[in-house]
C-alpha atoms as a PDB file:
ATOM      1  CA  UNK A   1     -19.285  -6.416-142.055  1.00  0.00           C
ATOM      2  CA  UNK A   2     -18.337  -7.155-145.645  1.00  0.00           C
ATOM      3  CA  UNK A   3     -17.064 -10.561-146.708  1.00  0.00           C
ATOM      4  CA  UNK A   4     -13.604  -9.054-147.271  1.00  0.00           C
ATOM      5  CA  UNK A   5     -13.559  -7.609-143.742  1.00  0.00           C
ATOM      6  CA  UNK A   6     -14.725 -10.954-142.353  1.00  0.00           C
ATOM      7  CA  UNK A   7     -11.912 -12.755-144.222  1.00  0.00           C
ATOM      8  CA  UNK A   8      -9.355 -10.238-142.963  1.00  0.00           C
ATOM      9  CA  UNK A   9     -10.564 -10.737-139.387  1.00  0.00           C
ATOM     10  CA  UNK A  10     -10.411 -14.523-139.793  1.00  0.00           C
ATOM     11  CA  UNK A  11      -6.853 -14.256-141.126  1.00  0.00           C
ATOM     12  CA  UNK A  12      -5.752 -12.138-138.142  1.00  0.00           C
ATOM     13  CA  UNK A  13      -7.253 -14.688-135.754  1.00  0.00           C
ATOM     14  CA  UNK A  14      -5.647 -17.606-137.587  1.00  0.00           C
ATOM     15  CA  UNK A  15      -2.228 -15.927-137.729  1.00  0.00           C
ATOM     16  CA  UNK A  16      -2.268 -15.166-134.002  1.00  0.00           C
ATOM     17  CA  UNK A  17      -3.526 -18.672-133.078  1.00  0.00           C
ATOM     18  CA  UNK A  18      -0.704 -20.230-135.084  1.00  0.00           C
ATOM     19  CA  UNK A  19       1.880 -17.892-133.529  1.00  0.00           C
ATOM     20  CA  UNK A  20       0.809 -19.244-130.129  1.00  0.00           C
ATOM     21  CA  UNK A  21       1.156 -22.833-131.419  1.00  0.00           C
ATOM     22  CA  UNK A  22      -2.475 -23.835-130.936  1.00  0.00           C
ATOM     23  CA  UNK A  23      -4.159 -26.240-133.311  1.00  0.00           C
ATOM     24  CA  UNK A  24      -7.712 -25.346-134.316  1.00  0.00           C
ATOM     25  CA  UNK A  25      -8.963 -28.213-132.156  1.00  0.00           C
ATOM     26  CA  UNK A  26      -6.977 -27.085-129.095  1.00  0.00           C
ATOM     27  CA  UNK A  27      -8.116 -23.507-129.466  1.00  0.00           C
ATOM     28  CA  UNK A  28     -11.760 -24.479-129.995  1.00  0.00           C
ATOM     29  CA  UNK A  29     -11.615 -26.537-126.800  1.00  0.00           C
ATOM     30  CA  UNK A  30     -10.101 -23.586-124.925  1.00  0.00           C
ATOM     31  CA  UNK A  31     -12.987 -21.423-126.187  1.00  0.00           C
ATOM     32  CA  UNK A  32     -15.576 -24.033-125.249  1.00  0.00           C
ATOM     33  CA  UNK A  33     -16.937 -24.399-128.784  1.00  0.00           C
ATOM     34  CA  UNK A  34     -16.859 -27.241-131.282  1.00  0.00           C
ATOM     35  CA  UNK A  35     -13.892 -27.588-133.599  1.00  0.00           C
ATOM     36  CA  UNK A  36     -16.237 -27.346-136.587  1.00  0.00           C
ATOM     37  CA  UNK A  37     -17.685 -24.038-135.311  1.00  0.00           C
ATOM     38  CA  UNK A  38     -14.211 -22.630-134.811  1.00  0.00           C
ATOM     39  CA  UNK A  39     -13.129 -23.781-138.273  1.00  0.00           C
ATOM     40  CA  UNK A  40     -16.113 -21.960-139.800  1.00  0.00           C
ATOM     41  CA  UNK A  41     -15.087 -18.766-137.958  1.00  0.00           C
ATOM     42  CA  UNK A  42     -11.454 -19.049-139.023  1.00  0.00           C
ATOM     43  CA  UNK A  43     -12.429 -19.763-142.627  1.00  0.00           C
ATOM     44  CA  UNK A  44     -14.785 -16.747-142.663  1.00  0.00           C
ATOM     45  CA  UNK A  45     -17.926 -18.823-143.194  1.00  0.00           C
ATOM     46  CA  UNK A  46     -19.481 -17.643-139.933  1.00  0.00           C
ATOM     47  CA  UNK A  47     -19.174 -14.633-137.639  1.00  0.00           C
ATOM     48  CA  UNK A  48     -18.429 -15.547-134.032  1.00  0.00           C
ATOM     49  CA  UNK A  49     -21.052 -14.887-131.382  1.00  0.00           C
ATOM     50  CA  UNK A  50     -20.219 -11.906-129.191  1.00  0.00           C
ATOM     51  CA  UNK A  51     -19.145 -14.029-126.220  1.00  0.00           C
ATOM     52  CA  UNK A  52     -16.947 -16.131-128.538  1.00  0.00           C
ATOM     53  CA  UNK A  53     -15.421 -12.978-130.010  1.00  0.00           C
ATOM     54  CA  UNK A  54     -14.562 -11.786-126.503  1.00  0.00           C
ATOM     55  CA  UNK A  55     -13.105 -15.187-125.580  1.00  0.00           C
ATOM     56  CA  UNK A  56     -10.996 -15.234-128.737  1.00  0.00           C
ATOM     57  CA  UNK A  57      -9.686 -11.779-127.881  1.00  0.00           C
ATOM     58  CA  UNK A  58      -8.813 -12.781-124.313  1.00  0.00           C
ATOM     59  CA  UNK A  59      -7.203 -16.099-125.205  1.00  0.00           C
ATOM     60  CA  UNK A  60      -5.181 -14.711-128.093  1.00  0.00           C
ATOM     61  CA  UNK A  61      -4.295 -11.620-126.033  1.00  0.00           C
ATOM     62  CA  UNK A  62      -5.295  -9.250-128.829  1.00  0.00           C
ATOM     63  CA  UNK A  63      -7.794  -6.422-128.777  1.00  0.00           C
ATOM     64  CA  UNK A  64     -11.213  -6.713-130.340  1.00  0.00           C
ATOM     65  CA  UNK A  65     -10.332  -3.518-132.213  1.00  0.00           C
ATOM     66  CA  UNK A  66      -7.362  -5.292-133.785  1.00  0.00           C
ATOM     67  CA  UNK A  67      -9.348  -8.453-134.557  1.00  0.00           C
ATOM     68  CA  UNK A  68     -12.191  -6.634-136.284  1.00  0.00           C
ATOM     69  CA  UNK A  69     -10.500  -3.601-137.819  1.00  0.00           C
ATOM     70  CA  UNK A  70      -6.817  -4.572-137.904  1.00  0.00           C
ATOM     71  CA  UNK A  71      -5.837  -1.440-135.963  1.00  0.00           C
ATOM     72  CA  UNK A  72      -2.462  -2.071-134.375  1.00  0.00           C
ATOM     73  CA  UNK A  73      -1.388   1.443-133.402  1.00  0.00           C
ATOM     74  CA  UNK A  74      -3.258   2.275-130.206  1.00  0.00           C
ATOM     75  CA  UNK A  75      -2.193   5.915-130.478  1.00  0.00           C
ATOM     76  CA  UNK A  76      -3.002   6.327-134.149  1.00  0.00           C
ATOM     77  CA  UNK A  77      -5.919   5.256-136.285  1.00  0.00           C
ATOM     78  CA  UNK A  78      -8.176   3.750-133.612  1.00  0.00           C
ATOM     79  CA  UNK A  79     -11.796   2.941-134.439  1.00  0.00           C
ATOM     80  CA  UNK A  80     -14.387   5.158-132.820  1.00  0.00           C
ATOM     81  CA  UNK A  81     -16.625   3.797-130.067  1.00  0.00           C
ATOM     82  CA  UNK A  82     -19.504   3.877-132.534  1.00  0.00           C
ATOM     83  CA  UNK A  83     -17.599   1.767-135.082  1.00  0.00           C
ATOM     84  CA  UNK A  84     -16.666  -0.803-132.440  1.00  0.00           C
ATOM     85  CA  UNK A  85     -20.253  -0.903-131.135  1.00  0.00           C
ATOM     86  CA  UNK A  86     -21.661  -1.341-134.659  1.00  0.00           C
ATOM     87  CA  UNK A  87     -19.228  -4.182-135.370  1.00  0.00           C
ATOM     88  CA  UNK A  88     -20.170  -5.922-132.118  1.00  0.00           C
ATOM     89  CA  UNK A  89     -23.861  -5.579-132.942  1.00  0.00           C
ATOM     90  CA  UNK A  90     -23.177  -7.223-136.310  1.00  0.00           C
ATOM     91  CA  UNK A  91     -21.946 -10.316-134.452  1.00  0.00           C
ATOM     92  CA  UNK A  92     -25.064 -10.688-132.311  1.00  0.00           C
ATOM     93  CA  UNK A  93     -28.427 -12.068-133.234  1.00  0.00           C
ATOM     94  CA  UNK A  94     -31.646 -10.292-132.224  1.00  0.00           C
ATOM     95  CA  UNK A  95     -32.319 -12.505-129.186  1.00  0.00           C
ATOM     96  CA  UNK A  96     -28.872 -11.789-127.728  1.00  0.00           C
ATOM     97  CA  UNK A  97     -29.323  -8.065-128.313  1.00  0.00           C
ATOM     98  CA  UNK A  98     -32.713  -8.120-126.574  1.00  0.00           C
ATOM     99  CA  UNK A  99     -31.192  -9.987-123.634  1.00  0.00           C
ATOM    100  CA  UNK A 100     -28.338  -7.480-123.429  1.00  0.00           C
ATOM    101  CA  UNK A 101     -30.875  -4.619-123.429  1.00  0.00           C
ATOM    102  CA  UNK A 102     -32.797  -6.273-120.575  1.00  0.00           C
ATOM    103  CA  UNK A 103     -29.615  -6.706-118.538  1.00  0.00           C
ATOM    104  CA  UNK A 104     -28.586  -3.085-119.129  1.00  0.00           C
ATOM    105  CA  UNK A 105     -32.065  -1.921-118.150  1.00  0.00           C
ATOM    106  CA  UNK A 106     -31.745  -3.805-114.846  1.00  0.00           C
ATOM    107  CA  UNK A 107     -28.350  -2.209-114.189  1.00  0.00           C
ATOM    108  CA  UNK A 108     -29.786   1.230-114.884  1.00  0.00           C
ATOM    109  CA  UNK A 109     -32.654   0.633-112.430  1.00  0.00           C
ATOM    110  CA  UNK A 110     -30.222  -0.564-109.755  1.00  0.00           C
ATOM    111  CA  UNK A 111     -28.039   2.497-110.291  1.00  0.00           C
ATOM    112  CA  UNK A 112     -31.060   4.839-110.142  1.00  0.00           C
ATOM    113  CA  UNK A 113     -32.229   3.239-106.893  1.00  0.00           C
ATOM    114  CA  UNK A 114     -28.828   3.888-105.278  1.00  0.00           C
ATOM    115  CA  UNK A 115     -29.085   7.668-105.823  1.00  0.00           C
END
């Protein structure tokens, strides 16, 4: 994700948070993160962790697609699954990705055993 894309995402988050009348401190508390961490996300100094990105999406009631790419028309120019996946990977560090792979591997084994 480029710095410009990160700033655009941060602006979309900030605009939506303000439209719902949350202060940064209130919203950070709702997300379960420190106010300083949230401020860094909203000022585009830091990408949110994947779980934080999901929580932001849920609590602001906006899609991750909109947050990351700014796509508002669900029937028009929607990002491909690959683009969304690549953006989500950009938000995760290597340890989180390894953990996610381990969890998916366990689910696959469970599914295979049920056949």
